[in-house]
Every structure is written in C-alpha cells, then in structure tokens.
Amino acid sequence: MARGETVLRLCWCLCLWLCIGGAAVAEESILGPRLVQEDVRIPAANGRYTLAATILRPEGQGPFGAVVLNHGTPGSASGRARESADLLIQSAAVFARRGYVVVLPLRRGFGATGGEFAEDPGTCANPDYRKGEQAAADDVMAAYEYTRGLPYVDGKRMILAGQSAGGMVSMVTAGTRNPEGLVAVLAFAAGRGGNPDFRPGVPCAIEPVAKLLESVGKNVRVPVLLHYAENDLYFNGQTSRLWYERFAAAGARAEYVLQPAFGRDGHYIFSETLGVRYWLPAVEHFLSKHGVPFERLDIGLPLVSVEHVPHVRSDACRNLYRAFLESPAPRAYAVSGDGRCGFASGLPDAADIAVRECRTNAKEACALYAVGGEVVWMPDGKGTAYAGGAAGK
C-alpha cells in the first residue's frame, strides 16, 4: 500500500511544492518527463517482514521496463539506520526519464525497514560472504518479484542495479536466483569489505570476494557491466579488475569500465550529481550494445539534443551537458565560441556560475545556452536577455 504519492518535475528537494488533493505538485516549468514517487512496503516471500521501498516512475500506464536499484552497506549501525532511498534518488531519476520504473528497496537492517542486519558476513579475518549475500539476495528478490507484478511494468524488461554492496548483491542475485525477465545487471563500484579509513582502496578479504564472484559468474545468463573509478577509496583499480577477471573467467558476459579519478572518492561516482557525465555514456553504450532500450522519453525536444548545442566539439563538454540535463534546478549551461563550457546546478545563481566556469578556460566570450528547462541561446551568439536570479524557471 502506498503511503504517499508525489508528482515530480525533475527535482525532489529544490522545488516549491503546493498541496493539491493529497498529492504534491511542483510549481515550476517541467524540466523533463513528469515522474511519480511513491513509498511502499514490500512483503517478504515468507511473510515474516516487509521492506520499505521507494518507487520512482514515469507518469503513465506503461508498460515500462523496470530497475531494482540496490543501496550499499555503511560500516556502522548508525549509518545503516540512516540509509535512505534519497541517497540514490537522483540517479534513479536518470533511469525513470528513460522510461523505467525504478524500485529502491531498503534491505533488512537498513533505514525504515529496520530489524536485524541480515547480511552481516562476520569478521574481516574470516568472512562468510556467501551467507551474507544470500540473505541480501532474499530481500532483492522480494523487491524484484513485487516490481514485476506492478500493472505498469513490463516483466520482460527487468534490470538489476546497485552501488557498492548493492552492485555486489545484484550480481549474486543474477547468478544464484536466475530472475525471470532479467535483461542486464549494472554494478557500480561493486564489492564488499572496503574501509577507506583503515586501508584506502584495499578491502579486506579480496580473495573470498573473488571466489564468490567465480561461483556465481558461471550461472549469470545476462550481460553485466562492472563500473568503477580510478580513485575508488574502497576498491582500487587493481582489486576491481581482479574481481572482474575472475567473474568473467567463470563464464559471465561481463564488461569492465574504469573511469578517471572522480572527486575526492570515486566510489561515489554513481550517486553524485556530476558523476552522471561519466557513468551515463558508459551505460548507454552497454545497453545499446545488448539491445536494451534506453532513450529519454522527451528525446525529441530541442533542449535534450546535445547536437544542437553550438560550438561544442569535445566529449568533455558534451558529457557536461548531459550532467546539466540530469541535474536539479536551478541549473544553467554556458558555452564559448572556441568550444569551452560551464555548468552549475542547485544554486540560485547557477547562471552566473555557469558563465564564470566557462570563462575559466575560454579564449572567446561565453554565453548561456540553456537555463532551467529552456534554450536561451540567441542566433547572434551573444547570449540571452536573461537577467539573473531565475535559473530554475
């Protein structure tokens, strides 16, 4: 039973809300397909407990493909108690804008689900990852079967995805449960045993994780993307590549992507706003290669087409524009005549900041191309009549 329903227009935290008939509707121009957010409780297969979950989906009857998006595992009990779908909701919106229902379950021992921490592998010296992952997979499968039964979901277009421990359990679930309708697995910074405070980049029990991935890799029947960043302070590149190689050698149709260093800790490249400029093109390429549809629902609008942005020639600026399209308002994107660019989001003075960022490396003048949900570029290339202070409208 849904506890609440929210109609979003791109953003879940920076919009001005008005209460209308039990739903909350954003009072701003649409910055993308209308999305609906619901909080639900999902019963476990044994009926002994329920999982708190959030659904983010495109407005409409569908049928849509679906993504079960799984969270990581904070190292402390207090961190697990604070776990929330909010931490991945912006990433979830990227999938929802492309016609996917995204279900974000909280496993046992996390956030609003509460209860016993069911997936504890034990000590780092002698971890039982298989036992822990099977408990986590029980919860993932409860969410998966619930999602397949939703009336607006196409049960033949299902994706398992997750960050960190959520990516790990997505792979384990695919390899041990053979979920019906599964077409792909997306594992972002996947692994177990990382602790950047003690051994940055080098997790404990590397070999037990590798052996677990070997055992499940031979049974995975769908393509799997393993996506990492060079400066992941939980799992360094040497470790993540080893895990990928052992997984693939067992028979999994796996692909490995190691992005350049991102921010202070590349472990969070999937969940942070600017990370989308890296992971989205990788996911688009991967899903396209395997015939899985993944285009924005509003692809025909001028704002959404990167090809319409003047002067932009580099992949860096093209991908930064993608980050603009997926970011919350207030937002703005600026370009220069020599192909430089600037971007800002979530700030009242986003337009001014975008122009200033563009000027950092540009030799020619910078002007705004898009502000909020509108293209404001003028044909003479001199910018727009934008006066500042309304970058979200």
Protein backbone atom coordinates (compact mmCIF):
# COMPACT_ATOMS: atom_id res chain seq x y z
CA MET A 1 0.00 0.00 0.00
CA ALA A 2 1.44 3.38 -1.00
CA ARG A 3 1.89 5.86 1.85
CA GLY A 4 2.14 8.90 -0.35
CA GLU A 5 2.44 9.97 -3.93
CA THR A 6 4.42 12.86 -5.30
CA VAL A 7 4.47 14.18 -8.84
CA LEU A 8 7.94 15.48 -9.53
CA ARG A 9 9.14 17.77 -12.25
CA LEU A 10 12.79 16.74 -12.24
CA CYS A 11 13.67 17.50 -8.64
CA TRP A 12 12.71 16.11 -5.28
CA CYS A 13 14.38 18.63 -2.98
CA LEU A 14 14.74 22.00 -4.66
CA CYS A 15 11.21 22.59 -5.91
CA LEU A 16 8.44 24.71 -4.43
CA TRP A 17 5.54 22.46 -3.53
CA LEU A 18 1.79 23.08 -3.36
CA CYS A 19 -0.58 20.58 -1.77
CA ILE A 20 -3.33 19.59 -4.18
CA GLY A 21 -5.77 16.79 -3.34
CA GLY A 22 -3.27 14.65 -1.37
CA ALA A 23 -0.51 14.92 -3.98
CA ALA A 24 2.27 17.46 -4.12
CA VAL A 25 2.80 19.18 -7.47
CA ALA A 26 5.87 21.24 -8.32
CA GLU A 27 5.13 24.85 -9.16
CA GLU A 28 7.69 25.29 -11.89
CA SER A 29 8.16 24.55 -15.58
CA ILE A 30 8.69 20.89 -16.49
CA LEU A 31 12.41 20.11 -16.76
CA GLY A 32 11.85 16.62 -18.09
CA PRO A 33 9.19 13.89 -18.18
CA ARG A 34 6.80 14.01 -15.25
CA LEU A 35 7.81 11.49 -12.61
CA VAL A 36 5.74 9.95 -9.84
CA GLN A 37 7.25 8.95 -6.50
CA GLU A 38 5.63 6.53 -4.05
CA ASP A 39 6.65 4.97 -0.74
CA VAL A 40 5.54 1.35 -0.29
CA ARG A 41 6.03 -1.70 1.92
CA ILE A 42 7.02 -4.91 0.15
CA PRO A 43 6.20 -8.23 1.83
CA ALA A 44 8.96 -10.83 2.01
CA ALA A 45 8.31 -14.22 0.45
CA ASN A 46 7.94 -15.85 3.87
CA GLY A 47 5.55 -13.15 5.06
CA ARG A 48 7.54 -12.54 8.23
CA TYR A 49 8.64 -8.99 7.47
CA THR A 50 8.22 -6.18 4.97
CA LEU A 51 10.74 -3.98 3.20
CA ALA A 52 10.41 -0.21 2.97
CA ALA A 53 10.86 0.87 -0.64
CA THR A 54 10.54 3.91 -2.86
CA ILE A 55 9.20 3.78 -6.41
CA LEU A 56 10.14 6.44 -8.94
CA ARG A 57 8.43 6.07 -12.31
CA PRO A 58 7.32 7.96 -15.39
CA GLU A 59 3.76 9.20 -15.29
CA GLY A 60 1.51 6.99 -17.41
CA GLN A 61 0.21 3.46 -17.74
CA GLY A 62 3.28 1.97 -19.42
CA PRO A 63 4.16 -0.79 -19.67
CA PHE A 64 7.65 0.35 -18.71
CA GLY A 65 10.84 -1.55 -18.14
CA ALA A 66 11.99 -1.64 -14.53
CA VAL A 67 15.17 -1.29 -12.48
CA VAL A 68 15.58 -2.66 -8.97
CA LEU A 69 18.24 -0.31 -7.60
CA ASN A 70 20.12 -1.55 -4.55
CA HIS A 71 21.96 0.53 -1.95
CA GLY A 72 25.34 -0.04 -0.36
CA THR A 73 26.22 -1.00 3.21
CA PRO A 74 27.54 1.61 5.65
CA GLY A 75 30.05 0.16 8.09
CA SER A 76 28.30 1.29 11.27
CA ALA A 77 24.88 0.55 12.76
CA SER A 78 24.11 4.27 12.87
CA GLY A 79 24.98 4.60 9.20
CA ARG A 80 22.72 1.69 8.30
CA ALA A 81 19.91 3.25 10.31
CA ARG A 82 20.25 6.44 8.25
CA GLU A 83 20.16 4.62 4.89
CA SER A 84 17.52 6.09 2.62
CA ALA A 85 16.36 5.97 -0.98
CA ASP A 86 17.14 9.69 -1.08
CA LEU A 87 20.83 8.85 -1.47
CA LEU A 88 20.22 7.28 -4.90
CA ILE A 89 17.04 9.05 -5.98
CA GLN A 90 18.81 11.43 -8.36
CA SER A 91 20.49 8.50 -10.12
CA ALA A 92 17.13 6.71 -10.17
CA ALA A 93 15.61 9.68 -11.99
CA VAL A 94 18.07 9.20 -14.86
CA PHE A 95 16.52 5.78 -15.49
CA ALA A 96 12.95 7.00 -14.92
CA ARG A 97 13.37 9.73 -17.55
CA ARG A 98 14.26 6.94 -19.97
CA GLY A 99 11.06 5.01 -19.43
CA TYR A 100 11.96 2.80 -16.46
CA VAL A 101 10.15 2.20 -13.21
CA VAL A 102 12.82 2.31 -10.51
CA VAL A 103 12.24 0.49 -7.23
CA LEU A 104 14.69 1.26 -4.42
CA PRO A 105 14.24 -1.28 -1.59
CA LEU A 106 15.82 -0.96 1.84
CA ARG A 107 17.07 -4.37 2.92
CA ARG A 108 16.74 -5.76 6.45
CA GLY A 109 18.67 -3.73 8.99
CA PHE A 110 18.58 -0.52 6.95
CA GLY A 111 16.63 2.72 7.34
CA ALA A 112 12.86 2.50 7.52
CA THR A 113 12.90 -1.29 7.07
CA GLY A 114 14.74 -1.73 10.34
CA GLY A 115 15.09 -5.08 12.05
CA GLU A 116 18.14 -7.30 12.22
CA PHE A 117 21.11 -6.68 9.92
CA ALA A 118 20.64 -9.90 7.96
CA GLU A 119 23.64 -9.78 5.61
CA ASP A 120 26.48 -9.45 8.13
CA PRO A 121 29.35 -11.62 6.77
CA GLY A 122 31.16 -11.79 10.10
CA THR A 123 34.75 -10.76 10.79
CA CYS A 124 37.08 -9.49 8.10
CA ALA A 125 39.56 -12.21 9.03
CA ASN A 126 37.12 -14.97 8.15
CA PRO A 127 34.06 -13.55 6.36
CA ASP A 128 31.15 -15.65 5.16
CA TYR A 129 30.19 -13.57 2.15
CA ARG A 130 28.12 -16.33 0.63
CA LYS A 131 25.79 -16.44 3.64
CA GLY A 132 25.56 -12.65 3.81
CA GLU A 133 24.87 -12.27 0.10
CA GLN A 134 22.17 -14.92 0.12
CA ALA A 135 20.32 -13.04 2.87
CA ALA A 136 20.65 -9.82 0.88
CA ALA A 137 19.50 -11.60 -2.28
CA ASP A 138 16.35 -12.75 -0.48
CA ASP A 139 15.38 -9.12 0.00
CA VAL A 140 16.36 -8.14 -3.53
CA MET A 141 14.22 -10.94 -4.95
CA ALA A 142 11.25 -9.86 -2.83
CA ALA A 143 11.54 -6.40 -4.37
CA TYR A 144 12.15 -7.88 -7.82
CA GLU A 145 9.02 -10.04 -7.81
CA TYR A 146 6.96 -7.19 -6.39
CA THR A 147 8.19 -4.94 -9.21
CA ARG A 148 7.38 -7.49 -11.92
CA GLY A 149 3.82 -7.63 -10.62
CA LEU A 150 3.15 -3.91 -10.89
CA PRO A 151 0.47 -3.20 -13.53
CA TYR A 152 2.58 -0.61 -15.36
CA VAL A 153 5.75 -2.78 -15.55
CA ASP A 154 6.84 -4.93 -18.49
CA GLY A 155 8.12 -8.00 -16.64
CA LYS A 156 10.27 -8.99 -19.60
CA ARG A 157 12.46 -5.84 -19.34
CA MET A 158 13.99 -6.02 -15.88
CA ILE A 159 17.37 -4.69 -14.76
CA LEU A 160 19.22 -5.28 -11.50
CA ALA A 161 21.49 -2.41 -10.48
CA GLY A 162 23.28 -1.20 -7.41
CA GLN A 163 26.13 0.73 -5.85
CA SER A 164 28.91 -0.84 -3.78
CA ALA A 165 27.39 -3.74 -1.79
CA GLY A 166 24.22 -3.12 -3.81
CA GLY A 167 26.15 -3.83 -7.00
CA MET A 168 27.59 -6.98 -5.46
CA VAL A 169 24.20 -8.34 -4.41
CA SER A 170 22.82 -7.52 -7.86
CA MET A 171 25.43 -9.81 -9.43
CA VAL A 172 24.93 -12.51 -6.82
CA THR A 173 21.15 -12.40 -7.26
CA ALA A 174 21.52 -12.74 -11.03
CA GLY A 175 23.87 -15.71 -10.62
CA THR A 176 22.02 -17.61 -7.90
CA ARG A 177 18.33 -16.89 -8.47
CA ASN A 178 18.05 -16.66 -12.28
CA PRO A 179 15.34 -13.96 -12.08
CA GLU A 180 12.68 -14.23 -14.76
CA GLY A 181 12.63 -11.33 -17.21
CA LEU A 182 16.13 -10.08 -16.33
CA VAL A 183 17.96 -8.46 -19.28
CA ALA A 184 21.03 -6.82 -17.69
CA VAL A 185 22.94 -6.09 -14.48
CA LEU A 186 24.60 -2.74 -13.74
CA ALA A 187 27.12 -2.90 -10.90
CA PHE A 188 28.59 0.44 -9.82
CA ALA A 189 31.66 0.32 -7.54
CA ALA A 190 30.61 -3.23 -6.65
CA GLY A 191 32.30 -5.13 -3.85
CA ARG A 192 32.50 -5.92 -0.16
CA GLY A 193 34.98 -5.31 2.64
CA GLY A 194 36.17 -1.77 1.83
CA ASN A 195 37.16 0.66 4.57
CA PRO A 196 38.87 3.87 3.39
CA ASP A 197 39.64 4.92 6.97
CA PHE A 198 41.96 1.97 7.56
CA ARG A 199 43.22 0.75 4.16
CA PRO A 200 42.19 3.19 1.42
CA GLY A 201 41.48 1.34 -1.81
CA VAL A 202 42.42 -2.09 -0.47
CA PRO A 203 39.49 -4.04 1.02
CA CYS A 204 39.85 -6.93 3.40
CA ALA A 205 39.23 -10.47 2.17
CA ILE A 206 39.85 -9.76 -1.53
CA GLU A 207 40.15 -13.46 -2.34
CA PRO A 208 36.86 -14.55 -0.68
CA VAL A 209 35.01 -11.97 -2.78
CA ALA A 210 36.81 -13.20 -5.90
CA LYS A 211 35.83 -16.79 -5.14
CA LEU A 212 32.21 -15.81 -4.62
CA LEU A 213 32.17 -14.00 -7.96
CA GLU A 214 33.72 -17.04 -9.62
CA SER A 215 31.00 -19.28 -8.23
CA VAL A 216 28.13 -17.06 -9.41
CA GLY A 217 29.73 -15.95 -12.68
CA LYS A 218 29.18 -19.28 -14.37
CA ASN A 219 25.45 -19.03 -13.80
CA VAL A 220 24.78 -15.43 -14.86
CA ARG A 221 22.74 -15.51 -18.07
CA VAL A 222 22.61 -11.80 -18.87
CA PRO A 223 25.28 -9.17 -19.65
CA VAL A 224 26.83 -7.44 -16.65
CA LEU A 225 28.54 -4.03 -16.51
CA LEU A 226 31.11 -3.51 -13.75
CA HIS A 227 31.77 0.22 -13.45
CA TYR A 228 34.47 1.81 -11.25
CA ALA A 229 36.60 4.96 -10.93
CA GLU A 230 40.40 5.07 -10.58
CA ASN A 231 40.33 6.77 -7.19
CA ASP A 232 37.78 4.50 -5.50
CA LEU A 233 38.90 4.54 -1.86
CA TYR A 234 37.03 1.30 -1.13
CA PHE A 235 38.15 -0.83 -4.06
CA ASN A 236 41.18 0.29 -6.06
CA GLY A 237 41.60 -0.45 -9.76
CA GLN A 238 43.84 -3.46 -9.19
CA THR A 239 41.26 -5.08 -6.93
CA SER A 240 38.21 -4.32 -9.07
CA ARG A 241 39.94 -5.59 -12.20
CA LEU A 242 40.91 -8.82 -10.41
CA TRP A 243 37.29 -9.33 -9.36
CA TYR A 244 36.09 -8.66 -12.91
CA GLU A 245 38.61 -11.08 -14.41
CA ARG A 246 37.66 -13.88 -12.05
CA PHE A 247 33.95 -13.21 -12.66
CA ALA A 248 34.39 -13.18 -16.45
CA ALA A 249 36.71 -16.21 -16.48
CA ALA A 250 33.95 -18.22 -14.83
CA GLY A 251 31.74 -17.55 -17.83
CA ALA A 252 29.92 -14.30 -17.09
CA ARG A 253 29.29 -11.97 -20.05
CA ALA A 254 30.88 -9.12 -18.17
CA GLU A 255 32.32 -5.77 -19.24
CA TYR A 256 34.65 -3.64 -17.13
CA VAL A 257 34.87 0.16 -17.18
CA LEU A 258 37.43 2.09 -15.11
CA GLN A 259 36.72 5.81 -15.24
CA PRO A 260 39.31 8.51 -14.48
CA ALA A 261 39.54 9.87 -10.96
CA PHE A 262 36.31 11.47 -9.83
CA GLY A 263 36.06 13.91 -6.93
CA ARG A 264 37.67 13.02 -3.63
CA ASP A 265 36.45 9.42 -3.70
CA GLY A 266 35.46 7.77 -6.97
CA HIS A 267 33.42 5.22 -5.03
CA TYR A 268 30.53 7.68 -5.27
CA ILE A 269 30.68 8.43 -8.99
CA PHE A 270 27.22 6.89 -9.45
CA SER A 271 25.43 8.77 -6.69
CA GLU A 272 26.90 12.26 -7.05
CA THR A 273 25.38 14.75 -9.50
CA LEU A 274 28.41 15.30 -11.73
CA GLY A 275 29.18 11.60 -11.88
CA VAL A 276 26.45 11.19 -14.49
CA ARG A 277 28.74 12.72 -17.09
CA TYR A 278 30.88 9.57 -16.79
CA TRP A 279 28.55 6.71 -15.98
CA LEU A 280 25.62 7.63 -18.22
CA PRO A 281 27.56 7.34 -21.53
CA ALA A 282 29.01 4.02 -20.32
CA VAL A 283 25.55 2.68 -19.50
CA GLU A 284 24.11 3.96 -22.79
CA HIS A 285 26.85 2.21 -24.76
CA PHE A 286 26.49 -1.02 -22.78
CA LEU A 287 22.69 -1.24 -23.03
CA SER A 288 22.67 -0.25 -26.71
CA LYS A 289 25.23 -2.97 -27.45
CA HIS A 290 22.91 -5.53 -25.90
CA GLY A 291 19.71 -4.24 -27.46
CA VAL A 292 18.16 -2.79 -24.29
CA PRO A 293 16.15 0.43 -25.00
CA PHE A 294 17.47 3.44 -23.08
CA GLU A 295 16.41 6.79 -24.58
CA ARG A 296 14.88 9.74 -22.77
CA LEU A 297 11.12 9.95 -23.12
CA ASP A 298 11.48 13.59 -24.21
CA ILE A 299 14.27 12.92 -26.70
CA GLY A 300 12.56 14.97 -29.42
CA LEU A 301 12.76 18.29 -27.57
CA PRO A 302 15.48 20.75 -28.68
CA LEU A 303 16.77 21.11 -25.13
CA VAL A 304 17.58 17.39 -24.88
CA SER A 305 19.66 17.15 -28.05
CA VAL A 306 23.36 17.63 -27.39
CA GLU A 307 23.89 18.03 -31.13
CA HIS A 308 22.03 21.36 -31.06
CA VAL A 309 24.48 22.96 -28.62
CA PRO A 310 26.64 25.42 -30.61
CA HIS A 311 30.44 25.25 -30.69
CA VAL A 312 30.67 22.15 -28.50
CA ARG A 313 33.13 19.70 -30.01
CA SER A 314 34.72 17.87 -27.09
CA ASP A 315 33.37 14.81 -25.31
CA ALA A 316 34.03 16.62 -22.03
CA CYS A 317 31.58 19.41 -22.87
CA ARG A 318 29.06 17.03 -24.41
CA ASN A 319 29.07 14.94 -21.26
CA LEU A 320 28.86 18.03 -19.07
CA TYR A 321 25.71 18.99 -20.96
CA ARG A 322 24.34 15.55 -20.15
CA ALA A 323 25.01 16.32 -16.49
CA PHE A 324 23.07 19.57 -16.92
CA LEU A 325 20.09 17.70 -18.36
CA GLU A 326 20.00 15.29 -15.44
CA SER A 327 20.54 17.86 -12.70
CA PRO A 328 18.06 19.62 -10.40
CA ALA A 329 17.07 23.25 -10.79
CA PRO A 330 18.23 25.95 -10.57
CA ARG A 331 20.58 24.95 -13.36
CA ALA A 332 22.40 26.56 -16.29
CA TYR A 333 24.85 25.70 -19.08
CA ALA A 334 27.12 28.13 -20.92
CA VAL A 335 29.35 27.81 -24.00
CA SER A 336 32.09 29.83 -25.66
CA GLY A 337 32.91 30.41 -29.30
CA ASP A 338 36.05 28.28 -29.00
CA GLY A 339 34.19 25.27 -27.62
CA ARG A 340 34.61 25.68 -23.86
CA CYS A 341 31.72 25.21 -21.46
CA GLY A 342 30.47 25.77 -17.94
CA PHE A 343 27.70 24.28 -15.82
CA ALA A 344 26.06 24.82 -12.43
CA SER A 345 23.11 23.26 -10.66
CA GLY A 346 21.18 23.52 -7.42
CA LEU A 347 22.24 27.12 -6.74
CA PRO A 348 20.22 30.36 -7.02
CA ASP A 349 23.00 31.97 -9.06
CA ALA A 350 23.55 28.93 -11.29
CA ALA A 351 23.52 31.06 -14.47
CA ASP A 352 26.25 33.37 -13.24
CA ILE A 353 28.36 30.46 -12.05
CA ALA A 354 27.98 28.58 -15.35
CA VAL A 355 29.25 31.58 -17.31
CA ARG A 356 32.08 32.10 -14.85
CA GLU A 357 33.12 28.45 -15.10
CA CYS A 358 33.06 28.67 -18.88
CA ARG A 359 35.34 31.71 -18.81
CA THR A 360 37.93 29.80 -16.77
CA ASN A 361 39.42 28.13 -19.87
CA ALA A 362 37.80 30.02 -22.75
CA LYS A 363 39.64 32.43 -25.02
CA GLU A 364 36.42 33.68 -26.60
CA ALA A 365 33.29 35.09 -24.98
CA CYS A 366 30.96 32.79 -23.04
CA ALA A 367 27.16 32.99 -23.15
CA LEU A 368 24.30 31.00 -21.69
CA TYR A 369 22.91 28.21 -23.87
CA ALA A 370 20.26 26.83 -21.53
CA VAL A 371 18.74 27.92 -18.24
CA GLY A 372 16.35 25.70 -16.28
CA GLY A 373 14.20 23.91 -18.85
CA GLU A 374 14.68 26.34 -21.75
CA VAL A 375 17.20 27.00 -24.51
CA VAL A 376 18.04 30.70 -24.24
CA TRP A 377 20.82 30.90 -26.83
CA MET A 378 20.48 33.77 -29.30
CA PRO A 379 21.29 33.22 -33.00
CA ASP A 380 23.89 36.01 -32.95
CA GLY A 381 25.82 34.06 -30.33
CA LYS A 382 25.77 36.96 -27.90
CA GLY A 383 23.74 35.14 -25.32
CA THR A 384 20.36 35.93 -23.95
CA ALA A 385 18.27 38.58 -22.33
CA TYR A 386 18.46 36.54 -19.11
CA ALA A 387 18.89 38.95 -16.23
CA GLY A 388 19.95 36.53 -13.50
CA GLY A 389 18.23 35.11 -10.44
CA ALA A 390 15.79 32.72 -12.16
CA ALA A 391 17.88 29.82 -13.33
CA GLY A 392 15.26 27.26 -12.45
CA LYS A 393 12.42 28.77 -14.47
